[in-house]
Amino acid sequence: MAHGAGGKATQSLIEGLFVPAFGSERLAAMDDAGAVSVNGLELALTTDSFVVKPIRFPGGSIGELAVNGTVNDLAMAGARPLALSLSLILEEGLAADDLRAEVEAIAAAARTAEVEIVAGDTKVVERGHADAMYVCTTGIGRRDPRARLSPAALRPGDRILVSGTIGEHGTAIMLARGDLGLDAEIESDTRSLWPAVDSLLDAAGPSLRCLRDATRGGVASVLNELARASSVAMIVREADVPVTREVAGASELLGIDPMYVANEGKLVAFVAPEAADAALAALRAVPGGEGAAEIGEVKTDPPGMVLVATGFGGKRVMDQLVGDPLPRIC
C-alpha cells in the first residue's frame, strides 16, 4: 500500500521503474501535468485514478473528487482546464441509485469547474474484485501565458504560502470510515483550484515560481519533493501553519501531524518576496481561501531538507514519510 501513498515508496517506484522504462524527459520532471505543444498551442495533460473509501463522505464523494482532483493537477501547471475523459470501473451489485448519485456529482462538479466531459468508458468487474466503484480520468488544459512555473525557478528568499487550513480531507475520510470511534464536524475541502491559480497569476505574474496541490502526503510531502528537486532548503514556521481546531484535535488523538494529511482543495504556492503580500491577498479573496497564510521561506542550506521552526525556538527536520498514514483517501 505504501507504494501508492505518495511518499518515499511512491517516489522510489516512479524514479526506479517508470521514468527509466518510458524514457520521457517530460515525465522525469514529475510535474502534476505534462507539457504538450501542438502547432504552437501550449497544452497540459494529466491523468489520475480515484479509489477513495467510502465513496461518499462529508463534503464530497468519489465523483466530485475525481473532477476536482484532475482539474487541480492541470491548474498546478498553470493550465486552464478544458476537457476531461472519464472511465468508471464498477463492482457487480453496485446499487443503481449509488451510481446515479455519483454520475450527478460528476456532472455538477464539471459544471462548477467549467470543464466538459468529452469521452468515457465503463467496465463492470465481479463482486469482490473492486470496492463499489473506481474512477479514472484524463484532463487537458491550455497553459496560461502568464505562468512560468517550475521547481527550478525556486530561489532563496521565496515565500511559501498555503491557500487555507490544511488536513480536512484526509481527516474527514478517516472519520467517515467509522472505525475510530471519533465524532467531529470535519468536511472534505474538495474544490477546483483554478480560480485560486487564476487570481495568483493576476496578482503575482512571473513572481509566482511554483505551485503544487497538497494531496497524498500533505504539505510536508510537497515541501520535501520540491526541496529535493531544487536543491534548496525550506523553513516552515510551525505557529503560522493554519489548522482548524477540529482537525488539530482529531490529529492529536490519531497521533498524526496535519502537515502529512491529504488535502483536496488546497495548494502550496512559492512566490518571490516582493509579491508575497499581493499573492496572499489574492488567495484570501477566493472562496475557500479565507484561511490562506504565509508559512515559511526558501533557504539555501541545508539543501534538500525541510526544517520546522518550533514555538520553543528550536528546529526539527520534517522528513518525507515512506507511505501515508491514511490510505485510500483519494
C-alpha atoms as a PDB file:
ATOM      1  CA  MET A   1       0.000   0.000   0.000  1.00  0.00           C
ATOM      2  CA  ALA A   2       2.889   2.372   0.705  1.00  0.00           C
ATOM      3  CA  HIS A   3       3.859   2.417  -2.985  1.00  0.00           C
ATOM      4  CA  GLY A   4       0.582   4.158  -3.834  1.00  0.00           C
ATOM      5  CA  ALA A   5       0.552   6.596  -0.930  1.00  0.00           C
ATOM      6  CA  GLY A   6       2.599   9.460  -2.362  1.00  0.00           C
ATOM      7  CA  GLY A   7       5.603   9.191  -0.029  1.00  0.00           C
ATOM      8  CA  LYS A   8       9.143   7.879  -0.384  1.00  0.00           C
ATOM      9  CA  ALA A   9       7.953   4.472  -1.587  1.00  0.00           C
ATOM     10  CA  THR A  10       5.912   6.038  -4.401  1.00  0.00           C
ATOM     11  CA  GLN A  11       8.795   8.273  -5.420  1.00  0.00           C
ATOM     12  CA  SER A  12      11.167   5.309  -5.447  1.00  0.00           C
ATOM     13  CA  LEU A  13       8.779   3.337  -7.665  1.00  0.00           C
ATOM     14  CA  ILE A  14       8.429   6.192 -10.149  1.00  0.00           C
ATOM     15  CA  GLU A  15      12.122   7.060 -10.294  1.00  0.00           C
ATOM     16  CA  GLY A  16      13.341   3.468 -10.218  1.00  0.00           C
ATOM     17  CA  LEU A  17      10.891   1.853 -12.655  1.00  0.00           C
ATOM     18  CA  PHE A  18       8.554   4.111 -14.611  1.00  0.00           C
ATOM     19  CA  VAL A  19      10.826   7.006 -15.582  1.00  0.00           C
ATOM     20  CA  PRO A  20      13.703   4.789 -16.851  1.00  0.00           C
ATOM     21  CA  ALA A  21      11.289   2.467 -18.669  1.00  0.00           C
ATOM     22  CA  PHE A  22       9.400   5.202 -20.516  1.00  0.00           C
ATOM     23  CA  GLY A  23      12.403   7.430 -21.226  1.00  0.00           C
ATOM     24  CA  SER A  24      10.454  10.692 -21.291  1.00  0.00           C
ATOM     25  CA  GLU A  25      12.122  13.909 -20.144  1.00  0.00           C
ATOM     26  CA  ARG A  26       8.726  15.461 -19.534  1.00  0.00           C
ATOM     27  CA  LEU A  27       7.721  12.531 -17.328  1.00  0.00           C
ATOM     28  CA  ALA A  28      11.042  12.761 -15.484  1.00  0.00           C
ATOM     29  CA  ALA A  29      10.144  16.319 -14.466  1.00  0.00           C
ATOM     30  CA  MET A  30       7.462  14.722 -12.244  1.00  0.00           C
ATOM     31  CA  ASP A  31       5.100  17.670 -12.591  1.00  0.00           C
ATOM     32  CA  ASP A  32       1.396  17.333 -11.822  1.00  0.00           C
ATOM     33  CA  ALA A  33       0.668  17.643 -15.557  1.00  0.00           C
ATOM     34  CA  GLY A  34       2.840  17.124 -18.618  1.00  0.00           C
ATOM     35  CA  ALA A  35       3.540  19.929 -21.076  1.00  0.00           C
ATOM     36  CA  VAL A  36       2.423  19.276 -24.666  1.00  0.00           C
ATOM     37  CA  SER A  37       2.799  21.634 -27.639  1.00  0.00           C
ATOM     38  CA  VAL A  38       0.573  21.159 -30.697  1.00  0.00           C
ATOM     39  CA  ASN A  39       1.106  23.520 -33.637  1.00  0.00           C
ATOM     40  CA  GLY A  40       2.081  26.324 -31.283  1.00  0.00           C
ATOM     41  CA  LEU A  41      -0.748  25.642 -28.842  1.00  0.00           C
ATOM     42  CA  GLU A  42       0.645  25.146 -25.322  1.00  0.00           C
ATOM     43  CA  LEU A  43      -1.325  22.429 -23.520  1.00  0.00           C
ATOM     44  CA  ALA A  44      -1.093  20.425 -20.307  1.00  0.00           C
ATOM     45  CA  LEU A  45      -2.137  16.780 -19.988  1.00  0.00           C
ATOM     46  CA  THR A  46      -2.759  14.809 -16.804  1.00  0.00           C
ATOM     47  CA  THR A  47      -4.285  11.509 -15.732  1.00  0.00           C
ATOM     48  CA  ASP A  48      -5.497  10.220 -12.375  1.00  0.00           C
ATOM     49  CA  SER A  49      -7.333   7.373 -10.650  1.00  0.00           C
ATOM     50  CA  PHE A  50      -9.610   7.589  -7.625  1.00  0.00           C
ATOM     51  CA  VAL A  51     -10.207   4.711  -5.209  1.00  0.00           C
ATOM     52  CA  VAL A  52     -11.374   6.598  -2.110  1.00  0.00           C
ATOM     53  CA  LYS A  53     -13.176   4.627   0.595  1.00  0.00           C
ATOM     54  CA  PRO A  54     -16.004   5.300   1.363  1.00  0.00           C
ATOM     55  CA  ILE A  55     -17.249   6.654  -1.957  1.00  0.00           C
ATOM     56  CA  ARG A  56     -19.363   9.269  -0.140  1.00  0.00           C
ATOM     57  CA  PHE A  57     -18.020  11.299   2.752  1.00  0.00           C
ATOM     58  CA  PRO A  58     -18.731  14.614   4.490  1.00  0.00           C
ATOM     59  CA  GLY A  59     -18.174  17.388   1.981  1.00  0.00           C
ATOM     60  CA  GLY A  60     -17.972  15.299  -1.172  1.00  0.00           C
ATOM     61  CA  SER A  61     -17.875  11.975  -2.982  1.00  0.00           C
ATOM     62  CA  ILE A  62     -15.646   9.991  -5.324  1.00  0.00           C
ATOM     63  CA  GLY A  63     -17.232  11.566  -8.402  1.00  0.00           C
ATOM     64  CA  GLU A  64     -16.764  15.154  -7.272  1.00  0.00           C
ATOM     65  CA  LEU A  65     -13.253  14.309  -6.088  1.00  0.00           C
ATOM     66  CA  ALA A  66     -12.337  12.858  -9.487  1.00  0.00           C
ATOM     67  CA  VAL A  67     -13.273  16.026 -11.349  1.00  0.00           C
ATOM     68  CA  ASN A  68     -11.676  18.413  -8.869  1.00  0.00           C
ATOM     69  CA  GLY A  69      -8.515  16.355  -8.473  1.00  0.00           C
ATOM     70  CA  THR A  70      -7.957  16.256 -12.218  1.00  0.00           C
ATOM     71  CA  VAL A  71      -8.583  19.936 -12.904  1.00  0.00           C
ATOM     72  CA  ASN A  72      -6.339  20.788  -9.948  1.00  0.00           C
ATOM     73  CA  ASP A  73      -3.421  18.891 -11.457  1.00  0.00           C
ATOM     74  CA  LEU A  74      -3.886  20.965 -14.610  1.00  0.00           C
ATOM     75  CA  ALA A  75      -4.139  24.160 -12.574  1.00  0.00           C
ATOM     76  CA  MET A  76      -0.826  23.431 -10.834  1.00  0.00           C
ATOM     77  CA  ALA A  77       0.776  23.551 -14.284  1.00  0.00           C
ATOM     78  CA  GLY A  78      -0.796  26.955 -14.862  1.00  0.00           C
ATOM     79  CA  ALA A  79      -3.329  25.472 -17.278  1.00  0.00           C
ATOM     80  CA  ARG A  80      -6.979  26.431 -17.566  1.00  0.00           C
ATOM     81  CA  PRO A  81      -8.946  23.138 -17.645  1.00  0.00           C
ATOM     82  CA  LEU A  82     -10.684  22.459 -20.964  1.00  0.00           C
ATOM     83  CA  ALA A  83     -11.899  18.856 -21.131  1.00  0.00           C
ATOM     84  CA  LEU A  84     -11.904  15.521 -19.311  1.00  0.00           C
ATOM     85  CA  SER A  85     -12.289  11.883 -20.216  1.00  0.00           C
ATOM     86  CA  LEU A  86     -13.822   9.577 -17.640  1.00  0.00           C
ATOM     87  CA  SER A  87     -13.598   5.836 -17.041  1.00  0.00           C
ATOM     88  CA  LEU A  88     -15.742   4.047 -14.452  1.00  0.00           C
ATOM     89  CA  ILE A  89     -14.866   0.633 -13.032  1.00  0.00           C
ATOM     90  CA  LEU A  90     -17.963  -0.665 -11.255  1.00  0.00           C
ATOM     91  CA  GLU A  91     -18.326  -3.591  -8.887  1.00  0.00           C
ATOM     92  CA  GLU A  92     -21.074  -6.076  -9.677  1.00  0.00           C
ATOM     93  CA  GLY A  93     -24.018  -5.337  -7.389  1.00  0.00           C
ATOM     94  CA  LEU A  94     -23.428  -1.587  -7.049  1.00  0.00           C
ATOM     95  CA  ALA A  95     -26.842  -0.039  -6.394  1.00  0.00           C
ATOM     96  CA  ALA A  96     -28.275   1.891  -9.331  1.00  0.00           C
ATOM     97  CA  ASP A  97     -29.110   4.798  -7.020  1.00  0.00           C
ATOM     98  CA  ASP A  98     -25.478   4.987  -5.883  1.00  0.00           C
ATOM     99  CA  LEU A  99     -24.258   5.047  -9.473  1.00  0.00           C
ATOM    100  CA  ARG A 100     -26.766   7.731 -10.432  1.00  0.00           C
ATOM    101  CA  ALA A 101     -25.735   9.845  -7.445  1.00  0.00           C
ATOM    102  CA  GLU A 102     -22.089   9.715  -8.495  1.00  0.00           C
ATOM    103  CA  VAL A 103     -22.854  10.500 -12.133  1.00  0.00           C
ATOM    104  CA  GLU A 104     -24.826  13.530 -10.967  1.00  0.00           C
ATOM    105  CA  ALA A 105     -21.964  14.557  -8.661  1.00  0.00           C
ATOM    106  CA  ILE A 106     -19.520  14.299 -11.570  1.00  0.00           C
ATOM    107  CA  ALA A 107     -21.769  16.413 -13.780  1.00  0.00           C
ATOM    108  CA  ALA A 108     -22.241  19.067 -11.085  1.00  0.00           C
ATOM    109  CA  ALA A 109     -18.510  19.290 -10.351  1.00  0.00           C
ATOM    110  CA  ALA A 110     -17.724  19.585 -14.062  1.00  0.00           C
ATOM    111  CA  ARG A 111     -20.196  22.446 -14.426  1.00  0.00           C
ATOM    112  CA  THR A 112     -18.696  24.241 -11.434  1.00  0.00           C
ATOM    113  CA  ALA A 113     -15.167  23.775 -12.798  1.00  0.00           C
ATOM    114  CA  GLU A 114     -16.330  24.851 -16.276  1.00  0.00           C
ATOM    115  CA  VAL A 115     -14.868  21.754 -17.876  1.00  0.00           C
ATOM    116  CA  GLU A 116     -16.533  19.428 -20.399  1.00  0.00           C
ATOM    117  CA  ILE A 117     -16.518  15.635 -20.249  1.00  0.00           C
ATOM    118  CA  VAL A 118     -15.872  14.606 -23.851  1.00  0.00           C
ATOM    119  CA  ALA A 119     -15.127  10.851 -23.716  1.00  0.00           C
ATOM    120  CA  GLY A 120     -15.677   7.922 -21.400  1.00  0.00           C
ATOM    121  CA  ASP A 121     -15.689   4.197 -20.751  1.00  0.00           C
ATOM    122  CA  THR A 122     -17.417   1.812 -18.347  1.00  0.00           C
ATOM    123  CA  LYS A 123     -16.360  -1.611 -17.107  1.00  0.00           C
ATOM    124  CA  VAL A 124     -18.004  -3.952 -14.592  1.00  0.00           C
ATOM    125  CA  VAL A 125     -15.981  -6.481 -12.572  1.00  0.00           C
ATOM    126  CA  GLU A 126     -17.156  -9.387 -10.449  1.00  0.00           C
ATOM    127  CA  ARG A 127     -18.388  -8.820  -6.930  1.00  0.00           C
ATOM    128  CA  GLY A 128     -15.418  -8.615  -4.571  1.00  0.00           C
ATOM    129  CA  HIS A 129     -12.968  -7.577  -7.322  1.00  0.00           C
ATOM    130  CA  ALA A 130     -13.498  -3.845  -6.730  1.00  0.00           C
ATOM    131  CA  ASP A 131     -14.778  -1.724  -3.863  1.00  0.00           C
ATOM    132  CA  ALA A 132     -18.065  -0.245  -5.135  1.00  0.00           C
ATOM    133  CA  MET A 133     -16.501   1.898  -7.875  1.00  0.00           C
ATOM    134  CA  TYR A 134     -13.227   3.362  -9.081  1.00  0.00           C
ATOM    135  CA  VAL A 135     -12.944   6.429 -11.300  1.00  0.00           C
ATOM    136  CA  CYS A 136     -10.115   7.088 -13.779  1.00  0.00           C
ATOM    137  CA  THR A 137      -9.710  10.409 -15.559  1.00  0.00           C
ATOM    138  CA  THR A 138      -7.617  12.230 -18.120  1.00  0.00           C
ATOM    139  CA  GLY A 139      -7.643  16.002 -18.333  1.00  0.00           C
ATOM    140  CA  ILE A 140      -6.381  18.513 -20.850  1.00  0.00           C
ATOM    141  CA  GLY A 141      -5.933  22.229 -20.331  1.00  0.00           C
ATOM    142  CA  ARG A 142      -4.475  25.277 -22.043  1.00  0.00           C
ATOM    143  CA  ARG A 143      -1.369  26.658 -20.364  1.00  0.00           C
ATOM    144  CA  ASP A 144      -1.752  30.279 -19.365  1.00  0.00           C
ATOM    145  CA  PRO A 145       0.939  32.531 -20.907  1.00  0.00           C
ATOM    146  CA  ARG A 146       1.316  34.286 -17.540  1.00  0.00           C
ATOM    147  CA  ALA A 147       2.537  31.053 -15.930  1.00  0.00           C
ATOM    148  CA  ARG A 148       6.242  30.213 -15.798  1.00  0.00           C
ATOM    149  CA  LEU A 149       6.055  27.567 -13.112  1.00  0.00           C
ATOM    150  CA  SER A 150       8.899  25.198 -12.297  1.00  0.00           C
ATOM    151  CA  PRO A 151      10.750  23.820  -9.271  1.00  0.00           C
ATOM    152  CA  ALA A 152      13.897  25.117 -10.972  1.00  0.00           C
ATOM    153  CA  ALA A 153      12.580  28.654 -10.501  1.00  0.00           C
ATOM    154  CA  LEU A 154      12.747  28.487  -6.687  1.00  0.00           C
ATOM    155  CA  ARG A 155      15.169  30.960  -5.120  1.00  0.00           C
ATOM    156  CA  PRO A 156      16.346  31.574  -1.541  1.00  0.00           C
ATOM    157  CA  GLY A 157      14.058  34.172  -0.004  1.00  0.00           C
ATOM    158  CA  ASP A 158      10.931  32.993  -1.822  1.00  0.00           C
ATOM    159  CA  ARG A 159       7.896  32.845   0.438  1.00  0.00           C
ATOM    160  CA  ILE A 160       5.829  29.697   0.984  1.00  0.00           C
ATOM    161  CA  LEU A 161       2.048  30.168   1.021  1.00  0.00           C
ATOM    162  CA  VAL A 162      -0.803  27.738   1.633  1.00  0.00           C
ATOM    163  CA  SER A 163      -4.257  28.576   0.310  1.00  0.00           C
ATOM    164  CA  GLY A 164      -6.147  27.724   3.512  1.00  0.00           C
ATOM    165  CA  THR A 165      -6.445  25.496   6.548  1.00  0.00           C
ATOM    166  CA  ILE A 166      -4.925  22.071   5.989  1.00  0.00           C
ATOM    167  CA  GLY A 167      -5.748  18.439   6.713  1.00  0.00           C
ATOM    168  CA  GLU A 168      -9.531  18.475   6.330  1.00  0.00           C
ATOM    169  CA  HIS A 169      -9.894  15.928   3.537  1.00  0.00           C
ATOM    170  CA  GLY A 170      -7.805  13.109   4.964  1.00  0.00           C
ATOM    171  CA  THR A 171      -9.284  13.595   8.423  1.00  0.00           C
ATOM    172  CA  ALA A 172     -12.847  13.624   7.072  1.00  0.00           C
ATOM    173  CA  ILE A 173     -12.229  10.349   5.234  1.00  0.00           C
ATOM    174  CA  MET A 174     -10.855   8.602   8.303  1.00  0.00           C
ATOM    175  CA  LEU A 175     -13.778   9.747  10.429  1.00  0.00           C
ATOM    176  CA  ALA A 176     -16.261   8.701   7.729  1.00  0.00           C
ATOM    177  CA  ARG A 177     -14.931   5.144   7.869  1.00  0.00           C
ATOM    178  CA  GLY A 178     -16.359   4.937  11.373  1.00  0.00           C
ATOM    179  CA  ASP A 179     -13.730   2.650  12.848  1.00  0.00           C
ATOM    180  CA  LEU A 180     -12.006   5.223  15.060  1.00  0.00           C
ATOM    181  CA  GLY A 181     -14.835   5.995  17.464  1.00  0.00           C
ATOM    182  CA  LEU A 182     -14.373   9.743  16.966  1.00  0.00           C
ATOM    183  CA  ASP A 183     -17.101  12.278  16.276  1.00  0.00           C
ATOM    184  CA  ALA A 184     -16.170  15.651  14.796  1.00  0.00           C
ATOM    185  CA  GLU A 185     -17.677  18.103  12.320  1.00  0.00           C
ATOM    186  CA  ILE A 186     -14.991  17.912   9.642  1.00  0.00           C
ATOM    187  CA  GLU A 187     -15.713  18.043   5.911  1.00  0.00           C
ATOM    188  CA  SER A 188     -13.503  17.430   2.907  1.00  0.00           C
ATOM    189  CA  ASP A 189     -12.146  20.589   1.297  1.00  0.00           C
ATOM    190  CA  THR A 190     -12.537  19.225  -2.250  1.00  0.00           C
ATOM    191  CA  ARG A 191     -12.893  22.029  -4.800  1.00  0.00           C
ATOM    192  CA  SER A 192     -11.452  23.297  -8.067  1.00  0.00           C
ATOM    193  CA  LEU A 193      -8.293  25.333  -7.526  1.00  0.00           C
ATOM    194  CA  TRP A 194      -8.244  27.038 -10.915  1.00  0.00           C
ATOM    195  CA  PRO A 195      -9.942  30.214  -9.550  1.00  0.00           C
ATOM    196  CA  ALA A 196      -7.184  30.480  -6.919  1.00  0.00           C
ATOM    197  CA  VAL A 197      -4.463  29.954  -9.536  1.00  0.00           C
ATOM    198  CA  ASP A 198      -6.041  32.493 -11.886  1.00  0.00           C
ATOM    199  CA  SER A 199      -6.070  35.057  -9.071  1.00  0.00           C
ATOM    200  CA  LEU A 200      -2.456  34.271  -8.157  1.00  0.00           C
ATOM    201  CA  LEU A 201      -1.336  34.763 -11.744  1.00  0.00           C
ATOM    202  CA  ASP A 202      -3.097  38.130 -11.833  1.00  0.00           C
ATOM    203  CA  ALA A 203      -1.540  39.220  -8.543  1.00  0.00           C
ATOM    204  CA  ALA A 204       1.992  37.845  -8.856  1.00  0.00           C
ATOM    205  CA  GLY A 205       2.584  37.145 -12.558  1.00  0.00           C
ATOM    206  CA  PRO A 206       6.173  35.994 -13.172  1.00  0.00           C
ATOM    207  CA  SER A 207       6.903  36.277  -9.432  1.00  0.00           C
ATOM    208  CA  LEU A 208       4.827  33.122  -8.939  1.00  0.00           C
ATOM    209  CA  ARG A 209       7.553  30.475  -9.013  1.00  0.00           C
ATOM    210  CA  CYS A 210       5.884  27.104  -8.500  1.00  0.00           C
ATOM    211  CA  LEU A 211       2.577  25.511  -7.455  1.00  0.00           C
ATOM    212  CA  ARG A 212       1.572  22.147  -6.014  1.00  0.00           C
ATOM    213  CA  ASP A 213      -1.705  20.809  -4.653  1.00  0.00           C
ATOM    214  CA  ALA A 214      -1.094  19.137  -1.312  1.00  0.00           C
ATOM    215  CA  THR A 215      -2.901  15.825  -1.814  1.00  0.00           C
ATOM    216  CA  ARG A 216      -1.416  12.471  -0.730  1.00  0.00           C
ATOM    217  CA  GLY A 217       1.228  13.047   1.902  1.00  0.00           C
ATOM    218  CA  GLY A 218       0.015  16.585   2.545  1.00  0.00           C
ATOM    219  CA  VAL A 219       2.003  19.802   2.649  1.00  0.00           C
ATOM    220  CA  ALA A 220       5.030  18.013   4.108  1.00  0.00           C
ATOM    221  CA  SER A 221       5.413  15.798   1.038  1.00  0.00           C
ATOM    222  CA  VAL A 222       5.123  18.775  -1.314  1.00  0.00           C
ATOM    223  CA  LEU A 223       7.861  20.664   0.510  1.00  0.00           C
ATOM    224  CA  ASN A 224      10.188  17.671   0.642  1.00  0.00           C
ATOM    225  CA  GLU A 225       9.674  16.861  -3.033  1.00  0.00           C
ATOM    226  CA  LEU A 226      10.457  20.400  -4.146  1.00  0.00           C
ATOM    227  CA  ALA A 227      13.353  20.945  -1.738  1.00  0.00           C
ATOM    228  CA  ARG A 228      14.963  17.844  -3.155  1.00  0.00           C
ATOM    229  CA  ALA A 229      14.187  18.693  -6.791  1.00  0.00           C
ATOM    230  CA  SER A 230      15.512  22.247  -6.465  1.00  0.00           C
ATOM    231  CA  SER A 231      18.423  21.576  -4.068  1.00  0.00           C
ATOM    232  CA  VAL A 232      17.171  24.236  -1.676  1.00  0.00           C
ATOM    233  CA  ALA A 233      16.173  24.193   1.977  1.00  0.00           C
ATOM    234  CA  MET A 234      12.788  25.182   3.342  1.00  0.00           C
ATOM    235  CA  ILE A 235      11.930  26.586   6.758  1.00  0.00           C
ATOM    236  CA  VAL A 236       8.345  26.267   7.991  1.00  0.00           C
ATOM    237  CA  ARG A 237       7.118  28.331  10.917  1.00  0.00           C
ATOM    238  CA  GLU A 238       5.015  25.877  12.899  1.00  0.00           C
ATOM    239  CA  ALA A 239       2.961  28.614  14.570  1.00  0.00           C
ATOM    240  CA  ASP A 240       1.871  30.029  11.187  1.00  0.00           C
ATOM    241  CA  VAL A 241       0.506  26.786   9.705  1.00  0.00           C
ATOM    242  CA  PRO A 242      -3.312  27.149   9.526  1.00  0.00           C
ATOM    243  CA  VAL A 243      -5.154  24.181  11.059  1.00  0.00           C
ATOM    244  CA  THR A 244      -8.710  24.186  12.380  1.00  0.00           C
ATOM    245  CA  ARG A 245      -9.300  23.268  15.996  1.00  0.00           C
ATOM    246  CA  GLU A 246     -11.263  20.184  14.906  1.00  0.00           C
ATOM    247  CA  VAL A 247      -8.516  18.842  12.647  1.00  0.00           C
ATOM    248  CA  ALA A 248      -5.853  19.604  15.248  1.00  0.00           C
ATOM    249  CA  GLY A 249      -7.827  17.707  17.891  1.00  0.00           C
ATOM    250  CA  ALA A 250      -8.515  14.694  15.677  1.00  0.00           C
ATOM    251  CA  SER A 251      -4.887  14.580  14.531  1.00  0.00           C
ATOM    252  CA  GLU A 252      -3.664  14.598  18.116  1.00  0.00           C
ATOM    253  CA  LEU A 253      -5.954  11.702  19.009  1.00  0.00           C
ATOM    254  CA  LEU A 254      -4.840   9.775  15.909  1.00  0.00           C
ATOM    255  CA  GLY A 255      -1.176  10.518  16.555  1.00  0.00           C
ATOM    256  CA  ILE A 256      -0.568  12.144  13.161  1.00  0.00           C
ATOM    257  CA  ASP A 257       0.763  15.522  12.037  1.00  0.00           C
ATOM    258  CA  PRO A 258      -1.710  17.602   9.944  1.00  0.00           C
ATOM    259  CA  MET A 259       1.221  18.567   7.706  1.00  0.00           C
ATOM    260  CA  TYR A 260       1.192  14.986   6.377  1.00  0.00           C
ATOM    261  CA  VAL A 261      -2.599  14.753   5.963  1.00  0.00           C
ATOM    262  CA  ALA A 262      -4.121  14.961   2.480  1.00  0.00           C
ATOM    263  CA  ASN A 263      -5.999  17.956   1.146  1.00  0.00           C
ATOM    264  CA  GLU A 264      -8.144  18.093  -1.987  1.00  0.00           C
ATOM    265  CA  GLY A 265      -8.744  21.819  -2.243  1.00  0.00           C
ATOM    266  CA  LYS A 266      -5.555  23.456  -1.011  1.00  0.00           C
ATOM    267  CA  LEU A 267      -2.391  24.457  -2.830  1.00  0.00           C
ATOM    268  CA  VAL A 268       1.133  25.404  -1.859  1.00  0.00           C
ATOM    269  CA  ALA A 269       2.495  28.454  -3.690  1.00  0.00           C
ATOM    270  CA  PHE A 270       6.084  29.669  -3.877  1.00  0.00           C
ATOM    271  CA  VAL A 271       6.297  33.394  -4.527  1.00  0.00           C
ATOM    272  CA  ALA A 272       9.096  35.940  -4.811  1.00  0.00           C
ATOM    273  CA  PRO A 273       9.243  38.052  -1.629  1.00  0.00           C
ATOM    274  CA  GLU A 274       8.187  41.298  -3.297  1.00  0.00           C
ATOM    275  CA  ALA A 275       4.920  39.692  -4.488  1.00  0.00           C
ATOM    276  CA  ALA A 276       4.076  37.665  -1.372  1.00  0.00           C
ATOM    277  CA  ASP A 277       1.638  40.147   0.186  1.00  0.00           C
ATOM    278  CA  ALA A 278      -0.288  40.608  -3.069  1.00  0.00           C
ATOM    279  CA  ALA A 279      -0.398  36.847  -3.650  1.00  0.00           C
ATOM    280  CA  LEU A 280      -1.674  36.199  -0.135  1.00  0.00           C
ATOM    281  CA  ALA A 281      -4.394  38.817  -0.524  1.00  0.00           C
ATOM    282  CA  ALA A 282      -5.413  37.236  -3.836  1.00  0.00           C
ATOM    283  CA  LEU A 283      -5.750  33.801  -2.225  1.00  0.00           C
ATOM    284  CA  ARG A 284      -7.814  35.154   0.660  1.00  0.00           C
ATOM    285  CA  ALA A 285     -10.224  36.823  -1.768  1.00  0.00           C
ATOM    286  CA  VAL A 286     -11.122  33.498  -3.441  1.00  0.00           C
ATOM    287  CA  PRO A 287     -13.915  31.322  -1.952  1.00  0.00           C
ATOM    288  CA  GLY A 288     -12.269  28.674   0.225  1.00  0.00           C
ATOM    289  CA  GLY A 289      -9.101  30.723   0.634  1.00  0.00           C
ATOM    290  CA  GLU A 290     -10.090  32.752   3.665  1.00  0.00           C
ATOM    291  CA  GLY A 291      -7.580  30.879   5.825  1.00  0.00           C
ATOM    292  CA  ALA A 292      -4.626  31.325   3.453  1.00  0.00           C
ATOM    293  CA  ALA A 293      -1.323  32.004   5.186  1.00  0.00           C
ATOM    294  CA  GLU A 294       2.388  32.519   4.644  1.00  0.00           C
ATOM    295  CA  ILE A 295       4.036  29.623   6.463  1.00  0.00           C
ATOM    296  CA  GLY A 296       7.715  29.784   5.612  1.00  0.00           C
ATOM    297  CA  GLU A 297      10.599  30.627   3.343  1.00  0.00           C
ATOM    298  CA  VAL A 298      13.001  29.029   0.879  1.00  0.00           C
ATOM    299  CA  LYS A 299      16.603  28.966   2.139  1.00  0.00           C
ATOM    300  CA  THR A 300      19.991  27.877   0.815  1.00  0.00           C
ATOM    301  CA  ASP A 301      21.071  25.395   3.491  1.00  0.00           C
ATOM    302  CA  PRO A 302      20.797  22.553   4.222  1.00  0.00           C
ATOM    303  CA  PRO A 303      19.927  21.709   0.574  1.00  0.00           C
ATOM    304  CA  GLY A 304      17.176  19.160   0.040  1.00  0.00           C
ATOM    305  CA  MET A 305      15.849  19.412   3.586  1.00  0.00           C
ATOM    306  CA  VAL A 306      12.727  20.836   5.227  1.00  0.00           C
ATOM    307  CA  LEU A 307      13.024  22.233   8.743  1.00  0.00           C
ATOM    308  CA  VAL A 308      10.275  23.308  11.122  1.00  0.00           C
ATOM    309  CA  ALA A 309      10.851  26.284  13.409  1.00  0.00           C
ATOM    310  CA  THR A 310       9.018  25.339  16.600  1.00  0.00           C
ATOM    311  CA  GLY A 311       7.357  27.589  19.126  1.00  0.00           C
ATOM    312  CA  PHE A 312      10.157  26.827  21.575  1.00  0.00           C
ATOM    313  CA  GLY A 313      12.833  28.462  19.448  1.00  0.00           C
ATOM    314  CA  GLY A 314      14.298  25.241  18.087  1.00  0.00           C
ATOM    315  CA  LYS A 315      14.203  23.462  14.730  1.00  0.00           C
ATOM    316  CA  ARG A 316      13.362  19.906  13.738  1.00  0.00           C
ATOM    317  CA  VAL A 317      13.550  18.003  10.469  1.00  0.00           C
ATOM    318  CA  MET A 318      10.258  17.371   8.665  1.00  0.00           C
ATOM    319  CA  ASP A 319      11.075  14.325   6.553  1.00  0.00           C
ATOM    320  CA  GLN A 320       9.021  12.698   3.836  1.00  0.00           C
ATOM    321  CA  LEU A 321       7.131   9.622   5.003  1.00  0.00           C
ATOM    322  CA  VAL A 322       7.651   6.240   3.358  1.00  0.00           C
ATOM    323  CA  GLY A 323       3.896   5.828   2.894  1.00  0.00           C
ATOM    324  CA  ASP A 324       0.757   7.605   4.041  1.00  0.00           C
ATOM    325  CA  PRO A 325      -0.795   7.196   7.495  1.00  0.00           C
ATOM    326  CA  LEU A 326      -4.237   7.486   5.868  1.00  0.00           C
ATOM    327  CA  PRO A 327      -4.515   5.086   2.880  1.00  0.00           C
ATOM    328  CA  ARG A 328      -7.100   5.344   0.086  1.00  0.00           C
ATOM    329  CA  ILE A 329      -8.040   8.947   0.721  1.00  0.00           C
ATOM    330  CA  CYS A 330      -8.345   9.825  -2.983  1.00  0.00           C
END
